[in-house]
């Protein structure tokens, strides 16, 4: 087993429970770590034997382009997409942050953390 990570992935997207959030959008940051079997990639230097970072980014971007209300739901959908695309994945840790959330005061970010399989038990 090994770990693959993408950290500090940034998007401008339109997620939120309030109408203005779906119009103005907001900045989101995502950190992701996968535990997977990439022994074949280590031995044979083949991209097909591991997680393709470019494909992983495109998968996340496609999900970020679909408006949802809750970070919890968005994070769950991203994890589900990853598990479908990479069935050898044994564990996923995802942190999703919304910068400057509309809470009526100055807040740097709101965030959710999702871990598979722990949060799916």
PDB file of N, CA and C in Angstrom:
ATOM      1  N   UNK A   1       0.835  -1.193   0.000  1.00  0.00           N
ATOM      2  CA  UNK A   1       0.000   0.000   0.000  1.00  0.00           C
ATOM      3  C   UNK A   1       0.868   1.240   0.000  1.00  0.00           C
ATOM      4  N   UNK A   2       0.352   2.265  -0.634  1.00  0.00           N
ATOM      5  CA  UNK A   2       1.031   3.549  -0.658  1.00  0.00           C
ATOM      6  C   UNK A   2       0.009   4.665  -0.625  1.00  0.00           C
ATOM      7  N   UNK A   3       0.482   5.885  -0.516  1.00  0.00           N
ATOM      8  CA  UNK A   3      -0.411   7.048  -0.455  1.00  0.00           C
ATOM      9  C   UNK A   3      -0.119   7.979  -1.611  1.00  0.00           C
ATOM     10  N   UNK A   4      -1.191   8.506  -2.166  1.00  0.00           N
ATOM     11  CA  UNK A   4      -1.143   9.500  -3.232  1.00  0.00           C
ATOM     12  C   UNK A   4      -1.912  10.710  -2.714  1.00  0.00           C
ATOM     13  N   UNK A   5      -1.382  11.904  -2.914  1.00  0.00           N
ATOM     14  CA  UNK A   5      -2.044  13.101  -2.387  1.00  0.00           C
ATOM     15  C   UNK A   5      -2.049  14.228  -3.408  1.00  0.00           C
ATOM     16  N   UNK A   6      -3.106  15.004  -3.367  1.00  0.00           N
ATOM     17  CA  UNK A   6      -3.192  16.293  -4.053  1.00  0.00           C
ATOM     18  C   UNK A   6      -3.594  17.290  -2.971  1.00  0.00           C
ATOM     19  N   UNK A   7      -2.819  18.344  -2.813  1.00  0.00           N
ATOM     20  CA  UNK A   7      -3.099  19.306  -1.752  1.00  0.00           C
ATOM     21  C   UNK A   7      -3.242  20.711  -2.315  1.00  0.00           C
ATOM     22  N   UNK A   8      -4.182  21.441  -1.728  1.00  0.00           N
ATOM     23  CA  UNK A   8      -4.372  22.833  -2.108  1.00  0.00           C
ATOM     24  C   UNK A   8      -4.994  23.020  -3.483  1.00  0.00           C
ATOM     25  N   UNK A   9      -5.836  22.090  -3.891  1.00  0.00           N
ATOM     26  CA  UNK A   9      -6.528  22.237  -5.172  1.00  0.00           C
ATOM     27  C   UNK A   9      -7.545  23.364  -4.997  1.00  0.00           C
ATOM     28  N   UNK A  10      -7.511  24.363  -5.868  1.00  0.00           N
ATOM     29  CA  UNK A  10      -8.408  25.513  -5.722  1.00  0.00           C
ATOM     30  C   UNK A  10      -9.382  25.617  -6.880  1.00  0.00           C
ATOM     31  N   UNK A  11     -10.597  26.003  -6.533  1.00  0.00           N
ATOM     32  CA  UNK A  11     -11.661  26.197  -7.510  1.00  0.00           C
ATOM     33  C   UNK A  11     -12.480  27.428  -7.136  1.00  0.00           C
ATOM     34  N   UNK A  12     -13.064  28.044  -8.132  1.00  0.00           N
ATOM     35  CA  UNK A  12     -14.141  28.996  -7.902  1.00  0.00           C
ATOM     36  C   UNK A  12     -15.398  28.237  -8.303  1.00  0.00           C
ATOM     37  N   UNK A  13     -16.333  28.107  -7.360  1.00  0.00           N
ATOM     38  CA  UNK A  13     -17.534  27.313  -7.624  1.00  0.00           C
ATOM     39  C   UNK A  13     -18.741  27.967  -6.956  1.00  0.00           C
ATOM     40  N   UNK A  14     -19.907  27.383  -7.174  1.00  0.00           N
ATOM     41  CA  UNK A  14     -21.169  28.014  -6.805  1.00  0.00           C
ATOM     42  C   UNK A  14     -21.990  27.150  -5.854  1.00  0.00           C
ATOM     43  N   UNK A  15     -21.374  26.661  -4.806  1.00  0.00           N
ATOM     44  CA  UNK A  15     -22.043  25.807  -3.838  1.00  0.00           C
ATOM     45  C   UNK A  15     -22.502  26.628  -2.644  1.00  0.00           C
ATOM     46  N   UNK A  16     -23.650  26.269  -2.098  1.00  0.00           N
ATOM     47  CA  UNK A  16     -24.124  26.925  -0.892  1.00  0.00           C
ATOM     48  C   UNK A  16     -25.619  26.841  -0.743  1.00  0.00           C
ATOM     49  N   UNK A  17     -26.072  27.009   0.494  1.00  0.00           N
ATOM     50  CA  UNK A  17     -27.489  26.925   0.813  1.00  0.00           C
ATOM     51  C   UNK A  17     -28.218  28.246   0.574  1.00  0.00           C
ATOM     52  N   UNK A  18     -27.469  29.342   0.409  1.00  0.00           N
ATOM     53  CA  UNK A  18     -28.082  30.656   0.247  1.00  0.00           C
ATOM     54  C   UNK A  18     -28.070  31.075  -1.218  1.00  0.00           C
ATOM     55  N   UNK A  19     -29.126  31.751  -1.672  1.00  0.00           N
ATOM     56  CA  UNK A  19     -29.234  32.111  -3.097  1.00  0.00           C
ATOM     57  C   UNK A  19     -28.035  32.886  -3.636  1.00  0.00           C
ATOM     58  N   UNK A  20     -27.489  33.817  -2.856  1.00  0.00           N
ATOM     59  CA  UNK A  20     -26.363  34.622  -3.344  1.00  0.00           C
ATOM     60  C   UNK A  20     -25.113  33.771  -3.602  1.00  0.00           C
ATOM     61  N   UNK A  21     -24.974  32.662  -2.883  1.00  0.00           N
ATOM     62  CA  UNK A  21     -23.816  31.797  -3.086  1.00  0.00           C
ATOM     63  C   UNK A  21     -23.846  31.120  -4.457  1.00  0.00           C
ATOM     64  N   UNK A  22     -25.040  30.811  -4.924  1.00  0.00           N
ATOM     65  CA  UNK A  22     -25.143  30.165  -6.240  1.00  0.00           C
ATOM     66  C   UNK A  22     -25.028  31.172  -7.378  1.00  0.00           C
ATOM     67  N   UNK A  23     -25.070  32.465  -7.044  1.00  0.00           N
ATOM     68  CA  UNK A  23     -24.917  33.510  -8.069  1.00  0.00           C
ATOM     69  C   UNK A  23     -23.481  34.036  -8.085  1.00  0.00           C
ATOM     70  N   UNK A  24     -22.959  34.396  -6.915  1.00  0.00           N
ATOM     71  CA  UNK A  24     -21.623  34.985  -6.811  1.00  0.00           C
ATOM     72  C   UNK A  24     -20.507  33.950  -6.806  1.00  0.00           C
ATOM     73  N   UNK A  25     -20.788  32.795  -6.253  1.00  0.00           N
ATOM     74  CA  UNK A  25     -19.764  31.771  -6.129  1.00  0.00           C
ATOM     75  C   UNK A  25     -18.806  32.079  -5.001  1.00  0.00           C
ATOM     76  N   UNK A  26     -17.812  31.221  -4.866  1.00  0.00           N
ATOM     77  CA  UNK A  26     -16.867  31.359  -3.785  1.00  0.00           C
ATOM     78  C   UNK A  26     -15.597  30.576  -4.120  1.00  0.00           C
ATOM     79  N   UNK A  27     -14.571  30.793  -3.342  1.00  0.00           N
ATOM     80  CA  UNK A  27     -13.321  30.059  -3.503  1.00  0.00           C
ATOM     81  C   UNK A  27     -13.348  28.835  -2.597  1.00  0.00           C
ATOM     82  N   UNK A  28     -12.961  27.702  -3.148  1.00  0.00           N
ATOM     83  CA  UNK A  28     -12.917  26.436  -2.420  1.00  0.00           C
ATOM     84  C   UNK A  28     -11.520  25.839  -2.545  1.00  0.00           C
ATOM     85  N   UNK A  29     -11.071  25.197  -1.480  1.00  0.00           N
ATOM     86  CA  UNK A  29      -9.794  24.490  -1.489  1.00  0.00           C
ATOM     87  C   UNK A  29     -10.043  23.058  -1.043  1.00  0.00           C
ATOM     88  N   UNK A  30      -9.394  22.126  -1.727  1.00  0.00           N
ATOM     89  CA  UNK A  30      -9.569  20.720  -1.431  1.00  0.00           C
ATOM     90  C   UNK A  30      -8.206  20.056  -1.239  1.00  0.00           C
ATOM     91  N   UNK A  31      -8.079  19.292  -0.160  1.00  0.00           N
ATOM     92  CA  UNK A  31      -6.907  18.456   0.086  1.00  0.00           C
ATOM     93  C   UNK A  31      -7.379  17.011   0.060  1.00  0.00           C
ATOM     94  N   UNK A  32      -6.586  16.163  -0.591  1.00  0.00           N
ATOM     95  CA  UNK A  32      -7.011  14.791  -0.811  1.00  0.00           C
ATOM     96  C   UNK A  32      -5.833  13.847  -0.624  1.00  0.00           C
ATOM     97  N   UNK A  33      -6.083  12.754   0.074  1.00  0.00           N
ATOM     98  CA  UNK A  33      -5.081  11.705   0.224  1.00  0.00           C
ATOM     99  C   UNK A  33      -5.761  10.357   0.011  1.00  0.00           C
ATOM    100  N   UNK A  34      -5.164   9.527  -0.850  1.00  0.00           N
ATOM    101  CA  UNK A  34      -5.686   8.193  -1.135  1.00  0.00           C
ATOM    102  C   UNK A  34      -4.671   7.155  -0.696  1.00  0.00           C
ATOM    103  N   UNK A  35      -5.155   6.088  -0.102  1.00  0.00           N
ATOM    104  CA  UNK A  35      -4.298   4.937   0.155  1.00  0.00           C
ATOM    105  C   UNK A  35      -4.687   3.875  -0.855  1.00  0.00           C
ATOM    106  N   UNK A  36      -3.721   3.413  -1.614  1.00  0.00           N
ATOM    107  CA  UNK A  36      -4.001   2.481  -2.689  1.00  0.00           C
ATOM    108  C   UNK A  36      -2.796   1.570  -2.929  1.00  0.00           C
ATOM    109  N   UNK A  37      -3.023   0.539  -3.688  1.00  0.00           N
ATOM    110  CA  UNK A  37      -1.957  -0.398  -4.028  1.00  0.00           C
ATOM    111  C   UNK A  37      -1.306   0.065  -5.329  1.00  0.00           C
ATOM    112  N   UNK A  38      -0.086   0.578  -5.238  1.00  0.00           N
ATOM    113  CA  UNK A  38       0.607   0.966  -6.467  1.00  0.00           C
ATOM    114  C   UNK A  38       1.954   0.249  -6.613  1.00  0.00           C
ATOM    115  N   UNK A  39       2.007  -0.972  -6.075  1.00  0.00           N
ATOM    116  CA  UNK A  39       3.233  -1.776  -6.184  1.00  0.00           C
ATOM    117  C   UNK A  39       3.636  -1.982  -7.646  1.00  0.00           C
ATOM    118  N   UNK A  40       2.668  -2.270  -8.513  1.00  0.00           N
ATOM    119  CA  UNK A  40       2.969  -2.483  -9.937  1.00  0.00           C
ATOM    120  C   UNK A  40       3.572  -1.234 -10.574  1.00  0.00           C
ATOM    121  N   UNK A  41       3.088  -0.074 -10.193  1.00  0.00           N
ATOM    122  CA  UNK A  41       3.641   1.183 -10.725  1.00  0.00           C
ATOM    123  C   UNK A  41       5.087   1.375 -10.259  1.00  0.00           C
ATOM    124  N   UNK A  42       5.376   1.005  -9.029  1.00  0.00           N
ATOM    125  CA  UNK A  42       6.739   1.124  -8.522  1.00  0.00           C
ATOM    126  C   UNK A  42       7.680   0.194  -9.291  1.00  0.00           C
ATOM    127  N   UNK A  43       7.195  -0.993  -9.621  1.00  0.00           N
ATOM    128  CA  UNK A  43       8.040  -1.983 -10.282  1.00  0.00           C
ATOM    129  C   UNK A  43       8.176  -1.772 -11.784  1.00  0.00           C
ATOM    130  N   UNK A  44       7.085  -1.285 -12.425  1.00  0.00           N
ATOM    131  CA  UNK A  44       7.063  -1.276 -13.885  1.00  0.00           C
ATOM    132  C   UNK A  44       6.946   0.105 -14.523  1.00  0.00           C
ATOM    133  N   UNK A  45       6.858   1.156 -13.719  1.00  0.00           N
ATOM    134  CA  UNK A  45       6.854   2.517 -14.252  1.00  0.00           C
ATOM    135  C   UNK A  45       5.738   2.745 -15.275  1.00  0.00           C
ATOM    136  N   UNK A  46       4.535   2.255 -14.948  1.00  0.00           N
ATOM    137  CA  UNK A  46       3.380   2.396 -15.837  1.00  0.00           C
ATOM    138  C   UNK A  46       2.291   3.215 -15.139  1.00  0.00           C
ATOM    139  N   UNK A  47       1.856   4.291 -15.786  1.00  0.00           N
ATOM    140  CA  UNK A  47       0.811   5.152 -15.231  1.00  0.00           C
ATOM    141  C   UNK A  47      -0.484   4.383 -14.989  1.00  0.00           C
ATOM    142  N   UNK A  48      -0.781   3.427 -15.848  1.00  0.00           N
ATOM    143  CA  UNK A  48      -2.019   2.658 -15.711  1.00  0.00           C
ATOM    144  C   UNK A  48      -2.047   1.825 -14.424  1.00  0.00           C
ATOM    145  N   UNK A  49      -0.918   1.677 -13.752  1.00  0.00           N
ATOM    146  CA  UNK A  49      -0.849   0.875 -12.536  1.00  0.00           C
ATOM    147  C   UNK A  49      -1.022   1.692 -11.261  1.00  0.00           C
ATOM    148  N   UNK A  50      -1.347   2.967 -11.413  1.00  0.00           N
ATOM    149  CA  UNK A  50      -1.519   3.826 -10.240  1.00  0.00           C
ATOM    150  C   UNK A  50      -2.625   4.847 -10.507  1.00  0.00           C
ATOM    151  N   UNK A  51      -2.756   5.791  -9.619  1.00  0.00           N
ATOM    152  CA  UNK A  51      -3.735   6.871  -9.753  1.00  0.00           C
ATOM    153  C   UNK A  51      -3.144   7.942 -10.656  1.00  0.00           C
ATOM    154  N   UNK A  52      -3.840   8.253 -11.720  1.00  0.00           N
ATOM    155  CA  UNK A  52      -3.427   9.298 -12.663  1.00  0.00           C
ATOM    156  C   UNK A  52      -3.858  10.643 -12.078  1.00  0.00           C
ATOM    157  N   UNK A  53      -2.892  11.467 -11.662  1.00  0.00           N
ATOM    158  CA  UNK A  53      -3.207  12.748 -11.005  1.00  0.00           C
ATOM    159  C   UNK A  53      -4.062  13.649 -11.892  1.00  0.00           C
ATOM    160  N   UNK A  54      -3.775  13.645 -13.181  1.00  0.00           N
ATOM    161  CA  UNK A  54      -4.532  14.470 -14.119  1.00  0.00           C
ATOM    162  C   UNK A  54      -5.994  14.023 -14.184  1.00  0.00           C
ATOM    163  N   UNK A  55      -6.200  12.722 -14.256  1.00  0.00           N
ATOM    164  CA  UNK A  55      -7.567  12.184 -14.287  1.00  0.00           C
ATOM    165  C   UNK A  55      -8.281  12.473 -12.973  1.00  0.00           C
ATOM    166  N   UNK A  56      -7.555  12.340 -11.863  1.00  0.00           N
ATOM    167  CA  UNK A  56      -8.122  12.613 -10.546  1.00  0.00           C
ATOM    168  C   UNK A  56      -8.564  14.075 -10.444  1.00  0.00           C
ATOM    169  N   UNK A  57      -7.717  15.000 -10.907  1.00  0.00           N
ATOM    170  CA  UNK A  57      -8.069  16.418 -10.900  1.00  0.00           C
ATOM    171  C   UNK A  57      -9.313  16.678 -11.751  1.00  0.00           C
ATOM    172  N   UNK A  58      -9.366  16.097 -12.934  1.00  0.00           N
ATOM    173  CA  UNK A  58     -10.523  16.299 -13.828  1.00  0.00           C
ATOM    174  C   UNK A  58     -11.801  15.751 -13.209  1.00  0.00           C
ATOM    175  N   UNK A  59     -11.700  14.631 -12.519  1.00  0.00           N
ATOM    176  CA  UNK A  59     -12.847  14.037 -11.836  1.00  0.00           C
ATOM    177  C   UNK A  59     -13.368  14.998 -10.758  1.00  0.00           C
ATOM    178  N   UNK A  60     -12.458  15.567  -9.976  1.00  0.00           N
ATOM    179  CA  UNK A  60     -12.850  16.511  -8.923  1.00  0.00           C
ATOM    180  C   UNK A  60     -13.429  17.778  -9.536  1.00  0.00           C
ATOM    181  N   UNK A  61     -12.791  18.300 -10.570  1.00  0.00           N
ATOM    182  CA  UNK A  61     -13.277  19.518 -11.222  1.00  0.00           C
ATOM    183  C   UNK A  61     -14.680  19.323 -11.776  1.00  0.00           C
ATOM    184  N   UNK A  62     -14.946  18.182 -12.383  1.00  0.00           N
ATOM    185  CA  UNK A  62     -16.282  17.905 -12.927  1.00  0.00           C
ATOM    186  C   UNK A  62     -17.325  17.935 -11.812  1.00  0.00           C
ATOM    187  N   UNK A  63     -16.995  17.395 -10.660  1.00  0.00           N
ATOM    188  CA  UNK A  63     -17.936  17.397  -9.543  1.00  0.00           C
ATOM    189  C   UNK A  63     -18.085  18.807  -8.969  1.00  0.00           C
ATOM    190  N   UNK A  64     -17.007  19.588  -8.937  1.00  0.00           N
ATOM    191  CA  UNK A  64     -17.077  20.957  -8.432  1.00  0.00           C
ATOM    192  C   UNK A  64     -17.949  21.844  -9.320  1.00  0.00           C
ATOM    193  N   UNK A  65     -18.094  21.479 -10.576  1.00  0.00           N
ATOM    194  CA  UNK A  65     -18.913  22.258 -11.513  1.00  0.00           C
ATOM    195  C   UNK A  65     -20.415  22.035 -11.341  1.00  0.00           C
ATOM    196  N   UNK A  66     -20.814  21.053 -10.526  1.00  0.00           N
ATOM    197  CA  UNK A  66     -22.236  20.756 -10.299  1.00  0.00           C
ATOM    198  C   UNK A  66     -22.655  21.392  -8.975  1.00  0.00           C
ATOM    199  N   UNK A  67     -23.548  22.374  -9.030  1.00  0.00           N
ATOM    200  CA  UNK A  67     -23.971  23.095  -7.824  1.00  0.00           C
ATOM    201  C   UNK A  67     -24.676  22.180  -6.830  1.00  0.00           C
ATOM    202  N   UNK A  68     -24.260  22.298  -5.565  1.00  0.00           N
ATOM    203  CA  UNK A  68     -24.939  21.626  -4.451  1.00  0.00           C
ATOM    204  C   UNK A  68     -25.037  22.615  -3.290  1.00  0.00           C
ATOM    205  N   UNK A  69     -25.848  22.283  -2.314  1.00  0.00           N
ATOM    206  CA  UNK A  69     -26.006  23.165  -1.159  1.00  0.00           C
ATOM    207  C   UNK A  69     -24.942  22.936  -0.095  1.00  0.00           C
ATOM    208  N   UNK A  70     -24.610  21.675   0.173  1.00  0.00           N
ATOM    209  CA  UNK A  70     -23.803  21.341   1.340  1.00  0.00           C
ATOM    210  C   UNK A  70     -22.429  20.802   0.987  1.00  0.00           C
ATOM    211  N   UNK A  71     -21.423  21.241   1.737  1.00  0.00           N
ATOM    212  CA  UNK A  71     -20.071  20.716   1.574  1.00  0.00           C
ATOM    213  C   UNK A  71     -20.035  19.221   1.873  1.00  0.00           C
ATOM    214  N   UNK A  72     -20.830  18.781   2.836  1.00  0.00           N
ATOM    215  CA  UNK A  72     -20.884  17.367   3.191  1.00  0.00           C
ATOM    216  C   UNK A  72     -21.297  16.525   1.981  1.00  0.00           C
ATOM    217  N   UNK A  73     -22.311  16.982   1.276  1.00  0.00           N
ATOM    218  CA  UNK A  73     -22.794  16.248   0.098  1.00  0.00           C
ATOM    219  C   UNK A  73     -21.752  16.283  -1.019  1.00  0.00           C
ATOM    220  N   UNK A  74     -21.168  17.434  -1.243  1.00  0.00           N
ATOM    221  CA  UNK A  74     -20.148  17.574  -2.285  1.00  0.00           C
ATOM    222  C   UNK A  74     -18.959  16.658  -2.001  1.00  0.00           C
ATOM    223  N   UNK A  75     -18.483  16.649  -0.765  1.00  0.00           N
ATOM    224  CA  UNK A  75     -17.372  15.782  -0.394  1.00  0.00           C
ATOM    225  C   UNK A  75     -17.703  14.315  -0.593  1.00  0.00           C
ATOM    226  N   UNK A  76     -18.906  13.935  -0.200  1.00  0.00           N
ATOM    227  CA  UNK A  76     -19.349  12.543  -0.387  1.00  0.00           C
ATOM    228  C   UNK A  76     -19.367  12.167  -1.864  1.00  0.00           C
ATOM    229  N   UNK A  77     -19.846  13.049  -2.715  1.00  0.00           N
ATOM    230  CA  UNK A  77     -19.915  12.753  -4.147  1.00  0.00           C
ATOM    231  C   UNK A  77     -18.510  12.625  -4.743  1.00  0.00           C
ATOM    232  N   UNK A  78     -17.587  13.460  -4.303  1.00  0.00           N
ATOM    233  CA  UNK A  78     -16.199  13.364  -4.784  1.00  0.00           C
ATOM    234  C   UNK A  78     -15.588  12.023  -4.364  1.00  0.00           C
ATOM    235  N   UNK A  79     -15.777  11.642  -3.100  1.00  0.00           N
ATOM    236  CA  UNK A  79     -15.258  10.360  -2.626  1.00  0.00           C
ATOM    237  C   UNK A  79     -15.867   9.210  -3.425  1.00  0.00           C
ATOM    238  N   UNK A  80     -17.173   9.257  -3.657  1.00  0.00           N
ATOM    239  CA  UNK A  80     -17.848   8.205  -4.437  1.00  0.00           C
ATOM    240  C   UNK A  80     -17.280   8.106  -5.846  1.00  0.00           C
ATOM    241  N   UNK A  81     -17.037   9.252  -6.477  1.00  0.00           N
ATOM    242  CA  UNK A  81     -16.459   9.266  -7.826  1.00  0.00           C
ATOM    243  C   UNK A  81     -15.055   8.652  -7.833  1.00  0.00           C
ATOM    244  N   UNK A  82     -14.267   8.961  -6.816  1.00  0.00           N
ATOM    245  CA  UNK A  82     -12.912   8.423  -6.719  1.00  0.00           C
ATOM    246  C   UNK A  82     -12.947   6.901  -6.564  1.00  0.00           C
ATOM    247  N   UNK A  83     -13.826   6.424  -5.697  1.00  0.00           N
ATOM    248  CA  UNK A  83     -13.919   4.982  -5.471  1.00  0.00           C
ATOM    249  C   UNK A  83     -14.376   4.243  -6.719  1.00  0.00           C
ATOM    250  N   UNK A  84     -15.238   4.873  -7.491  1.00  0.00           N
ATOM    251  CA  UNK A  84     -15.685   4.265  -8.745  1.00  0.00           C
ATOM    252  C   UNK A  84     -14.551   4.235  -9.777  1.00  0.00           C
ATOM    253  N   UNK A  85     -13.801   5.316  -9.871  1.00  0.00           N
ATOM    254  CA  UNK A  85     -12.723   5.410 -10.859  1.00  0.00           C
ATOM    255  C   UNK A  85     -11.504   4.578 -10.466  1.00  0.00           C
ATOM    256  N   UNK A  86     -11.264   4.437  -9.162  1.00  0.00           N
ATOM    257  CA  UNK A  86     -10.083   3.729  -8.668  1.00  0.00           C
ATOM    258  C   UNK A  86     -10.495   2.703  -7.613  1.00  0.00           C
ATOM    259  N   UNK A  87     -11.008   1.561  -8.053  1.00  0.00           N
ATOM    260  CA  UNK A  87     -11.523   0.562  -7.108  1.00  0.00           C
ATOM    261  C   UNK A  87     -10.473  -0.047  -6.177  1.00  0.00           C
ATOM    262  N   UNK A  88      -9.189   0.123  -6.464  1.00  0.00           N
ATOM    263  CA  UNK A  88      -8.137  -0.375  -5.573  1.00  0.00           C
ATOM    264  C   UNK A  88      -7.933   0.537  -4.369  1.00  0.00           C
ATOM    265  N   UNK A  89      -8.636   1.655  -4.332  1.00  0.00           N
ATOM    266  CA  UNK A  89      -8.499   2.611  -3.233  1.00  0.00           C
ATOM    267  C   UNK A  89      -9.037   2.007  -1.943  1.00  0.00           C
ATOM    268  N   UNK A  90      -8.203   1.991  -0.929  1.00  0.00           N
ATOM    269  CA  UNK A  90      -8.582   1.416   0.366  1.00  0.00           C
ATOM    270  C   UNK A  90      -9.022   2.474   1.362  1.00  0.00           C
ATOM    271  N   UNK A  91      -8.503   3.689   1.191  1.00  0.00           N
ATOM    272  CA  UNK A  91      -8.828   4.751   2.129  1.00  0.00           C
ATOM    273  C   UNK A  91      -8.753   6.090   1.413  1.00  0.00           C
ATOM    274  N   UNK A  92      -9.674   6.997   1.769  1.00  0.00           N
ATOM    275  CA  UNK A  92      -9.683   8.351   1.231  1.00  0.00           C
ATOM    276  C   UNK A  92      -9.819   9.310   2.403  1.00  0.00           C
ATOM    277  N   UNK A  93      -9.003  10.358   2.390  1.00  0.00           N
ATOM    278  CA  UNK A  93      -9.138  11.464   3.350  1.00  0.00           C
ATOM    279  C   UNK A  93      -9.306  12.730   2.539  1.00  0.00           C
ATOM    280  N   UNK A  94     -10.408  13.409   2.751  1.00  0.00           N
ATOM    281  CA  UNK A  94     -10.726  14.607   1.981  1.00  0.00           C
ATOM    282  C   UNK A  94     -11.043  15.738   2.944  1.00  0.00           C
ATOM    283  N   UNK A  95     -10.450  16.901   2.709  1.00  0.00           N
ATOM    284  CA  UNK A  95     -10.815  18.117   3.437  1.00  0.00           C
ATOM    285  C   UNK A  95     -11.237  19.137   2.397  1.00  0.00           C
ATOM    286  N   UNK A  96     -12.429  19.670   2.565  1.00  0.00           N
ATOM    287  CA  UNK A  96     -12.996  20.628   1.622  1.00  0.00           C
ATOM    288  C   UNK A  96     -13.309  21.911   2.382  1.00  0.00           C
ATOM    289  N   UNK A  97     -12.723  23.031   1.924  1.00  0.00           N
ATOM    290  CA  UNK A  97     -12.888  24.323   2.596  1.00  0.00           C
ATOM    291  C   UNK A  97     -13.594  25.318   1.681  1.00  0.00           C
ATOM    292  N   UNK A  98     -14.514  26.068   2.269  1.00  0.00           N
ATOM    293  CA  UNK A  98     -15.162  27.191   1.588  1.00  0.00           C
ATOM    294  C   UNK A  98     -14.618  28.459   2.241  1.00  0.00           C
ATOM    295  N   UNK A  99     -13.929  29.278   1.463  1.00  0.00           N
ATOM    296  CA  UNK A  99     -13.308  30.493   1.987  1.00  0.00           C
ATOM    297  C   UNK A  99     -14.338  31.611   2.117  1.00  0.00           C
ATOM    298  N   UNK A 100     -14.261  32.349   3.217  1.00  0.00           N
ATOM    299  CA  UNK A 100     -15.144  33.490   3.445  1.00  0.00           C
ATOM    300  C   UNK A 100     -16.617  33.140   3.356  1.00  0.00           C
ATOM    301  N   UNK A 101     -17.085  32.111   4.072  1.00  0.00           N
ATOM    302  CA  UNK A 101     -18.488  31.718   3.972  1.00  0.00           C
ATOM    303  C   UNK A 101     -19.422  32.839   4.440  1.00  0.00           C
ATOM    304  N   UNK A 102     -20.607  32.873   3.861  1.00  0.00           N
ATOM    305  CA  UNK A 102     -21.611  33.900   4.186  1.00  0.00           C
ATOM    306  C   UNK A 102     -22.274  33.565   5.525  1.00  0.00           C
ATOM    307  N   UNK A 103     -21.617  33.974   6.610  1.00  0.00           N
ATOM    308  CA  UNK A 103     -22.130  33.661   7.947  1.00  0.00           C
ATOM    309  C   UNK A 103     -22.472  34.913   8.751  1.00  0.00           C
ATOM    310  N   UNK A 104     -22.348  36.072   8.144  1.00  0.00           N
ATOM    311  CA  UNK A 104     -22.681  37.302   8.836  1.00  0.00           C
ATOM    312  C   UNK A 104     -21.517  37.920   9.591  1.00  0.00           C
ATOM    313  N   UNK A 105     -20.343  37.381   9.442  1.00  0.00           N
ATOM    314  CA  UNK A 105     -19.150  37.909  10.100  1.00  0.00           C
ATOM    315  C   UNK A 105     -17.913  37.400   9.380  1.00  0.00           C
ATOM    316  N   UNK A 106     -16.765  37.842   9.845  1.00  0.00           N
ATOM    317  CA  UNK A 106     -15.505  37.471   9.219  1.00  0.00           C
ATOM    318  C   UNK A 106     -15.095  36.064   9.663  1.00  0.00           C
ATOM    319  N   UNK A 107     -15.097  35.138   8.705  1.00  0.00           N
ATOM    320  CA  UNK A 107     -14.695  33.756   8.947  1.00  0.00           C
ATOM    321  C   UNK A 107     -13.748  33.372   7.814  1.00  0.00           C
ATOM    322  N   UNK A 108     -12.566  32.893   8.153  1.00  0.00           N
ATOM    323  CA  UNK A 108     -11.588  32.537   7.126  1.00  0.00           C
ATOM    324  C   UNK A 108     -12.123  31.450   6.199  1.00  0.00           C
ATOM    325  N   UNK A 109     -12.632  30.367   6.768  1.00  0.00           N
ATOM    326  CA  UNK A 109     -13.253  29.321   5.962  1.00  0.00           C
ATOM    327  C   UNK A 109     -14.092  28.405   6.832  1.00  0.00           C
ATOM    328  N   UNK A 110     -15.033  27.731   6.200  1.00  0.00           N
ATOM    329  CA  UNK A 110     -15.734  26.610   6.813  1.00  0.00           C
ATOM    330  C   UNK A 110     -15.200  25.362   6.128  1.00  0.00           C
ATOM    331  N   UNK A 111     -15.272  24.220   6.792  1.00  0.00           N
ATOM    332  CA  UNK A 111     -14.670  23.024   6.210  1.00  0.00           C
ATOM    333  C   UNK A 111     -15.379  21.766   6.674  1.00  0.00           C
ATOM    334  N   UNK A 112     -15.275  20.742   5.835  1.00  0.00           N
ATOM    335  CA  UNK A 112     -15.680  19.389   6.220  1.00  0.00           C
ATOM    336  C   UNK A 112     -14.505  18.459   5.937  1.00  0.00           C
ATOM    337  N   UNK A 113     -14.412  17.446   6.757  1.00  0.00           N
ATOM    338  CA  UNK A 113     -13.432  16.387   6.531  1.00  0.00           C
ATOM    339  C   UNK A 113     -14.197  15.081   6.419  1.00  0.00           C
ATOM    340  N   UNK A 114     -13.880  14.324   5.391  1.00  0.00           N
ATOM    341  CA  UNK A 114     -14.536  13.048   5.150  1.00  0.00           C
ATOM    342  C   UNK A 114     -13.453  11.995   5.019  1.00  0.00           C
ATOM    343  N   UNK A 115     -13.671  10.862   5.698  1.00  0.00           N
ATOM    344  CA  UNK A 115     -12.732   9.754   5.593  1.00  0.00           C
ATOM    345  C   UNK A 115     -13.491   8.494   5.199  1.00  0.00           C
ATOM    346  N   UNK A 116     -12.980   7.828   4.184  1.00  0.00           N
ATOM    347  CA  UNK A 116     -13.526   6.540   3.796  1.00  0.00           C
ATOM    348  C   UNK A 116     -12.488   5.499   4.197  1.00  0.00           C
ATOM    349  N   UNK A 117     -12.847   4.426   4.828  1.00  0.00           N
ATOM    350  CA  UNK A 117     -14.191   3.910   5.064  1.00  0.00           C
ATOM    351  C   UNK A 117     -14.828   4.336   6.387  1.00  0.00           C
ATOM    352  N   UNK A 118     -14.112   5.048   7.261  1.00  0.00           N
ATOM    353  CA  UNK A 118     -14.635   5.360   8.598  1.00  0.00           C
ATOM    354  C   UNK A 118     -16.004   6.031   8.570  1.00  0.00           C
ATOM    355  N   UNK A 119     -16.185   7.060   7.756  1.00  0.00           N
ATOM    356  CA  UNK A 119     -17.442   7.796   7.734  1.00  0.00           C
ATOM    357  C   UNK A 119     -18.535   7.057   6.962  1.00  0.00           C
ATOM    358  N   UNK A 120     -18.210   5.909   6.386  1.00  0.00           N
ATOM    359  CA  UNK A 120     -19.175   5.159   5.580  1.00  0.00           C
ATOM    360  C   UNK A 120     -19.608   3.873   6.277  1.00  0.00           C
ATOM    361  N   UNK A 121     -19.145   3.672   7.514  1.00  0.00           N
ATOM    362  CA  UNK A 121     -19.470   2.439   8.256  1.00  0.00           C
ATOM    363  C   UNK A 121     -20.883   2.467   8.787  1.00  0.00           C
TER     364      UNK A 121
END
